[in-house]
Amino acid sequence: MTKGKFRSKYALSLCVIALMLAVATLAVSAETEGYYTYNITDGEATITHVATSISGDVTIPSALGGYPVTVIGDSAFVSCDELSNVTIHDSVTRIGDYAFIDCNNLTDIMILSTDVEFVVSKGYTFGDTATIYGYTGSTAEAYAEEYGRPFEAIDIGGTCGAEGNEE
């Protein structure tokens, strides 16, 4: 083998290795804490799945693995039938499509942020039966109005039926 061919193969091998390393650093690994499976991106946690055994009154943690929870991912709480009341911290800035779909016993959802992005497909971020509690003028109120969901205004420091311990 000539030096030129060797150098070309060596350079190509280095490029392939560098590309593999770059792709590996982009991969996101799932972490689990309690009922929650989550990913970390840019120092923030996204809840991607919740064990369907979660039940009762639940306050979504403000942090997982030491990272602030900012996103509840698409279908994260799907079919959590024993869930009755949920409180969502003000650290959450986005609630994904179908995030709480098929949570058939969910009656109260308290959203403590005034500005949450709702990813909506046909109005089903939450099931039809839940009352949404939030601040007057919030995106939670706008969501409820747009999709015909019951809405109750809360005061700063206010409560609804969704009080509980962080699960």
Foldseek 3Di string as FASTA:
>chain_A
DDPVVVVVVVVVVVVVVVVVVVVVVVDWDWDDDVQFIWTADPQATETQAGHLCDADFAEADCDDPNGGHAEDEACRNPQSQRHAAYEYDQSHAEQYELSAPNNNNHAEYEYEHQHHHYHYDLLRSDDQRYEYEYAVNGVSVVSCVVNVHHYDYADVVGDDPRDDDHD
